[in-house]
Amino acid sequence: MNAIDLILLNFNEVRRRSIKLWMSIPQDKLNWRPDDEAMSCIEMVRHVLESEYYYHQAIKNKGSIPVFESPFEKLPFNTVEDELIFAGPFRDQFIETIKSFSDEDLKIIKIDRSDVGYIRDLGDMLLRIAYHESVHTGQLLDYLRTAKVTLPNIWD
């Protein structure tokens, strides 16, 4: 197994566990938030999916996108299923982009996000993207625990 295969395995495992959690959110808790400043449960799902789209564009651009137009922006929040269906083709394109890279690309391609404080190798950036989703999965676990929702076992 090469580095690209391991990165893809990580992305797939992170998303599998996220979906398991997201699908466990009761419909009446989709708009629940721990306080007025926080994202709601469905907003967090959208944030993860939209961020992945942004990061994909940044990777193709080899840096931040100065004027980002999100296809998610004008969509109403509905269900987790609707969010996943809409994001599906973008996810597929992102995975295909990752598959197009070589192990050497992971070291030599630089992603310049100096506008937000960093320039990283492609490999580092890809791991950061998966980590971002993982952090929000943990955050959403806490949300649901606080909201007294029965949690799925994502640690299978």
C-alpha atoms as a PDB file:
ATOM      1  CA  MET A   1       0.000   0.000   0.000  1.00  0.00           C
ATOM      2  CA  ASN A   2       1.446   3.364  -0.995  1.00  0.00           C
ATOM      3  CA  ALA A   3       0.959   6.774   0.634  1.00  0.00           C
ATOM      4  CA  ILE A   4      -1.935   7.748  -1.661  1.00  0.00           C
ATOM      5  CA  ASP A   5      -3.746   4.513  -0.791  1.00  0.00           C
ATOM      6  CA  LEU A   6      -3.275   5.229   2.920  1.00  0.00           C
ATOM      7  CA  ILE A   7      -4.557   8.788   2.546  1.00  0.00           C
ATOM      8  CA  LEU A   8      -7.619   7.504   0.669  1.00  0.00           C
ATOM      9  CA  LEU A   9      -8.213   4.874   3.339  1.00  0.00           C
ATOM     10  CA  ASN A  10      -8.087   7.600   5.982  1.00  0.00           C
ATOM     11  CA  PHE A  11     -10.538   9.831   4.069  1.00  0.00           C
ATOM     12  CA  ASN A  12     -12.936   6.937   3.573  1.00  0.00           C
ATOM     13  CA  GLU A  13     -12.786   5.844   7.215  1.00  0.00           C
ATOM     14  CA  VAL A  14     -13.267   9.377   8.524  1.00  0.00           C
ATOM     15  CA  ARG A  15     -16.270   9.901   6.226  1.00  0.00           C
ATOM     16  CA  ARG A  16     -17.774   6.490   7.041  1.00  0.00           C
ATOM     17  CA  ARG A  17     -17.723   7.338  10.738  1.00  0.00           C
ATOM     18  CA  SER A  18     -19.013  10.864  10.125  1.00  0.00           C
ATOM     19  CA  ILE A  19     -21.948   9.530   8.127  1.00  0.00           C
ATOM     20  CA  LYS A  20     -22.722   7.002  10.842  1.00  0.00           C
ATOM     21  CA  LEU A  21     -22.911   9.880  13.329  1.00  0.00           C
ATOM     22  CA  TRP A  22     -24.716  12.304  11.026  1.00  0.00           C
ATOM     23  CA  MET A  23     -27.408   9.758  10.189  1.00  0.00           C
ATOM     24  CA  SER A  24     -28.063   9.266  13.898  1.00  0.00           C
ATOM     25  CA  ILE A  25     -29.140  12.891  14.404  1.00  0.00           C
ATOM     26  CA  PRO A  26     -32.890  12.870  15.031  1.00  0.00           C
ATOM     27  CA  GLN A  27     -34.831  15.134  12.684  1.00  0.00           C
ATOM     28  CA  ASP A  28     -36.007  17.224  15.642  1.00  0.00           C
ATOM     29  CA  LYS A  29     -32.371  17.842  16.675  1.00  0.00           C
ATOM     30  CA  LEU A  30     -31.003  18.973  13.301  1.00  0.00           C
ATOM     31  CA  ASN A  31     -31.324  22.628  14.306  1.00  0.00           C
ATOM     32  CA  TRP A  32     -30.166  22.079  17.900  1.00  0.00           C
ATOM     33  CA  ARG A  33     -27.128  24.068  19.026  1.00  0.00           C
ATOM     34  CA  PRO A  34     -25.496  24.310  22.456  1.00  0.00           C
ATOM     35  CA  ASP A  35     -25.669  28.117  22.444  1.00  0.00           C
ATOM     36  CA  ASP A  36     -26.638  31.005  20.179  1.00  0.00           C
ATOM     37  CA  GLU A  37     -23.096  31.450  18.845  1.00  0.00           C
ATOM     38  CA  ALA A  38     -22.597  27.799  17.823  1.00  0.00           C
ATOM     39  CA  MET A  39     -23.421  26.054  14.568  1.00  0.00           C
ATOM     40  CA  SER A  40     -26.486  23.839  14.650  1.00  0.00           C
ATOM     41  CA  CYS A  41     -26.069  20.104  13.996  1.00  0.00           C
ATOM     42  CA  ILE A  42     -27.119  20.426  10.348  1.00  0.00           C
ATOM     43  CA  GLU A  43     -24.960  23.523   9.901  1.00  0.00           C
ATOM     44  CA  MET A  44     -21.972  21.530  11.114  1.00  0.00           C
ATOM     45  CA  VAL A  45     -22.671  18.755   8.609  1.00  0.00           C
ATOM     46  CA  ARG A  46     -22.915  21.382   5.869  1.00  0.00           C
ATOM     47  CA  HIS A  47     -19.731  23.071   7.119  1.00  0.00           C
ATOM     48  CA  VAL A  48     -17.762  19.826   6.806  1.00  0.00           C
ATOM     49  CA  LEU A  49     -19.083  19.086   3.316  1.00  0.00           C
ATOM     50  CA  GLU A  50     -18.635  22.651   2.087  1.00  0.00           C
ATOM     51  CA  SER A  51     -15.142  22.881   3.584  1.00  0.00           C
ATOM     52  CA  GLU A  52     -14.096  19.751   1.728  1.00  0.00           C
ATOM     53  CA  TYR A  53     -15.309  21.389  -1.491  1.00  0.00           C
ATOM     54  CA  TYR A  54     -13.306  24.535  -0.657  1.00  0.00           C
ATOM     55  CA  TYR A  55     -10.175  22.541   0.182  1.00  0.00           C
ATOM     56  CA  HIS A  56     -10.479  20.642  -3.091  1.00  0.00           C
ATOM     57  CA  GLN A  57     -10.560  23.948  -4.980  1.00  0.00           C
ATOM     58  CA  ALA A  58      -7.577  25.199  -2.952  1.00  0.00           C
ATOM     59  CA  ILE A  59      -5.598  22.071  -3.813  1.00  0.00           C
ATOM     60  CA  LYS A  60      -6.345  22.485  -7.505  1.00  0.00           C
ATOM     61  CA  ASN A  61      -5.349  26.154  -7.178  1.00  0.00           C
ATOM     62  CA  LYS A  62      -2.270  25.247  -5.078  1.00  0.00           C
ATOM     63  CA  GLY A  63      -3.438  27.862  -2.605  1.00  0.00           C
ATOM     64  CA  SER A  64      -6.296  29.773  -1.076  1.00  0.00           C
ATOM     65  CA  ILE A  65      -9.216  30.863  -3.237  1.00  0.00           C
ATOM     66  CA  PRO A  66      -9.434  34.670  -3.007  1.00  0.00           C
ATOM     67  CA  VAL A  67     -13.062  34.815  -4.197  1.00  0.00           C
ATOM     68  CA  PHE A  68     -14.821  31.615  -3.208  1.00  0.00           C
ATOM     69  CA  GLU A  69     -18.250  30.906  -4.641  1.00  0.00           C
ATOM     70  CA  SER A  70     -19.774  27.945  -2.892  1.00  0.00           C
ATOM     71  CA  PRO A  71     -22.389  25.771  -4.593  1.00  0.00           C
ATOM     72  CA  PHE A  72     -23.712  25.062  -1.066  1.00  0.00           C
ATOM     73  CA  GLU A  73     -24.353  28.705  -0.220  1.00  0.00           C
ATOM     74  CA  LYS A  74     -27.886  29.103  -1.523  1.00  0.00           C
ATOM     75  CA  LEU A  75     -29.193  25.667  -0.598  1.00  0.00           C
ATOM     76  CA  PRO A  76     -31.736  25.460   2.187  1.00  0.00           C
ATOM     77  CA  PHE A  77     -30.869  23.145   5.052  1.00  0.00           C
ATOM     78  CA  ASN A  78     -33.024  20.030   4.846  1.00  0.00           C
ATOM     79  CA  THR A  79     -31.902  16.588   5.894  1.00  0.00           C
ATOM     80  CA  VAL A  80     -28.546  14.892   6.280  1.00  0.00           C
ATOM     81  CA  GLU A  81     -29.494  12.681   3.339  1.00  0.00           C
ATOM     82  CA  ASP A  82     -30.124  15.739   1.144  1.00  0.00           C
ATOM     83  CA  GLU A  83     -26.761  17.217   2.152  1.00  0.00           C
ATOM     84  CA  LEU A  84     -24.950  13.975   1.315  1.00  0.00           C
ATOM     85  CA  ILE A  85     -26.708  13.569  -2.023  1.00  0.00           C
ATOM     86  CA  PHE A  86     -25.822  17.117  -3.034  1.00  0.00           C
ATOM     87  CA  ALA A  87     -22.208  16.773  -1.884  1.00  0.00           C
ATOM     88  CA  GLY A  88     -21.743  13.305  -3.420  1.00  0.00           C
ATOM     89  CA  PRO A  89     -20.486  14.376  -6.854  1.00  0.00           C
ATOM     90  CA  PHE A  90     -18.099  16.895  -5.273  1.00  0.00           C
ATOM     91  CA  ARG A  91     -16.742  14.165  -2.974  1.00  0.00           C
ATOM     92  CA  ASP A  92     -16.254  11.846  -5.957  1.00  0.00           C
ATOM     93  CA  GLN A  93     -14.311  14.559  -7.818  1.00  0.00           C
ATOM     94  CA  PHE A  94     -12.167  15.219  -4.745  1.00  0.00           C
ATOM     95  CA  ILE A  95     -11.327  11.515  -4.374  1.00  0.00           C
ATOM     96  CA  GLU A  96     -10.458  11.302  -8.091  1.00  0.00           C
ATOM     97  CA  THR A  97      -8.128  14.283  -7.696  1.00  0.00           C
ATOM     98  CA  ILE A  98      -6.351  12.562  -4.804  1.00  0.00           C
ATOM     99  CA  LYS A  99      -6.006   9.388  -6.894  1.00  0.00           C
ATOM    100  CA  SER A 100      -4.335  11.433  -9.646  1.00  0.00           C
ATOM    101  CA  PHE A 101      -1.389  12.354  -7.414  1.00  0.00           C
ATOM    102  CA  SER A 102       1.793  10.363  -6.994  1.00  0.00           C
ATOM    103  CA  ASP A 103       3.595   9.721  -3.736  1.00  0.00           C
ATOM    104  CA  GLU A 104       6.229  12.197  -4.918  1.00  0.00           C
ATOM    105  CA  ASP A 105       3.523  14.866  -5.449  1.00  0.00           C
ATOM    106  CA  LEU A 106       2.702  14.652  -1.743  1.00  0.00           C
ATOM    107  CA  LYS A 107       6.125  16.117  -0.977  1.00  0.00           C
ATOM    108  CA  ILE A 108       6.784  18.478  -3.865  1.00  0.00           C
ATOM    109  CA  ILE A 109       3.410  20.200  -4.401  1.00  0.00           C
ATOM    110  CA  LYS A 110       2.963  23.149  -2.046  1.00  0.00           C
ATOM    111  CA  ILE A 111      -0.413  24.541  -1.009  1.00  0.00           C
ATOM    112  CA  ASP A 112      -0.010  28.240  -0.217  1.00  0.00           C
ATOM    113  CA  ARG A 113      -2.499  29.409   2.372  1.00  0.00           C
ATOM    114  CA  SER A 114      -0.190  32.088   3.738  1.00  0.00           C
ATOM    115  CA  ASP A 115      -3.231  34.380   3.889  1.00  0.00           C
ATOM    116  CA  VAL A 116      -4.363  32.249   6.857  1.00  0.00           C
ATOM    117  CA  GLY A 117      -0.893  31.497   8.151  1.00  0.00           C
ATOM    118  CA  TYR A 118       0.583  28.478   6.440  1.00  0.00           C
ATOM    119  CA  ILE A 119       2.125  26.873   3.365  1.00  0.00           C
ATOM    120  CA  ARG A 120       2.052  23.072   3.462  1.00  0.00           C
ATOM    121  CA  ASP A 121       3.102  20.108   1.370  1.00  0.00           C
ATOM    122  CA  LEU A 122       0.165  18.453  -0.394  1.00  0.00           C
ATOM    123  CA  GLY A 123       0.442  15.378   1.862  1.00  0.00           C
ATOM    124  CA  ASP A 124       0.234  17.523   4.984  1.00  0.00           C
ATOM    125  CA  MET A 125      -2.722  19.445   3.538  1.00  0.00           C
ATOM    126  CA  LEU A 126      -4.647  16.270   2.736  1.00  0.00           C
ATOM    127  CA  LEU A 127      -4.155  14.989   6.275  1.00  0.00           C
ATOM    128  CA  ARG A 128      -5.318  18.366   7.645  1.00  0.00           C
ATOM    129  CA  ILE A 129      -8.518  18.125   5.599  1.00  0.00           C
ATOM    130  CA  ALA A 130      -9.372  14.729   7.075  1.00  0.00           C
ATOM    131  CA  TYR A 131      -8.436  16.004  10.535  1.00  0.00           C
ATOM    132  CA  HIS A 132     -10.813  18.952  10.127  1.00  0.00           C
ATOM    133  CA  GLU A 133     -13.695  16.539   9.559  1.00  0.00           C
ATOM    134  CA  SER A 134     -12.577  14.397  12.505  1.00  0.00           C
ATOM    135  CA  VAL A 135     -12.553  17.399  14.838  1.00  0.00           C
ATOM    136  CA  HIS A 136     -16.106  18.269  13.852  1.00  0.00           C
ATOM    137  CA  THR A 137     -17.163  14.657  14.339  1.00  0.00           C
ATOM    138  CA  GLY A 138     -15.921  14.873  17.923  1.00  0.00           C
ATOM    139  CA  GLN A 139     -17.638  18.216  18.358  1.00  0.00           C
ATOM    140  CA  LEU A 140     -20.908  16.799  17.063  1.00  0.00           C
ATOM    141  CA  LEU A 141     -20.595  13.804  19.402  1.00  0.00           C
ATOM    142  CA  ASP A 142     -20.449  16.296  22.256  1.00  0.00           C
ATOM    143  CA  TYR A 143     -23.460  18.190  20.880  1.00  0.00           C
ATOM    144  CA  LEU A 144     -25.541  15.033  20.726  1.00  0.00           C
ATOM    145  CA  ARG A 145     -24.427  13.873  24.163  1.00  0.00           C
ATOM    146  CA  THR A 146     -25.424  17.270  25.570  1.00  0.00           C
ATOM    147  CA  ALA A 147     -28.766  17.097  23.746  1.00  0.00           C
ATOM    148  CA  LYS A 148     -29.366  13.661  25.350  1.00  0.00           C
ATOM    149  CA  VAL A 149     -29.345  11.799  22.029  1.00  0.00           C
ATOM    150  CA  THR A 150     -28.313   8.141  21.984  1.00  0.00           C
ATOM    151  CA  LEU A 151     -24.921   7.983  20.294  1.00  0.00           C
ATOM    152  CA  PRO A 152     -24.004   5.439  17.636  1.00  0.00           C
ATOM    153  CA  ASN A 153     -20.844   3.399  18.062  1.00  0.00           C
ATOM    154  CA  ILE A 154     -18.484   4.995  15.574  1.00  0.00           C
ATOM    155  CA  TRP A 155     -15.508   3.140  17.079  1.00  0.00           C
ATOM    156  CA  ASP A 156     -16.240  -0.178  15.376  1.00  0.00           C
END
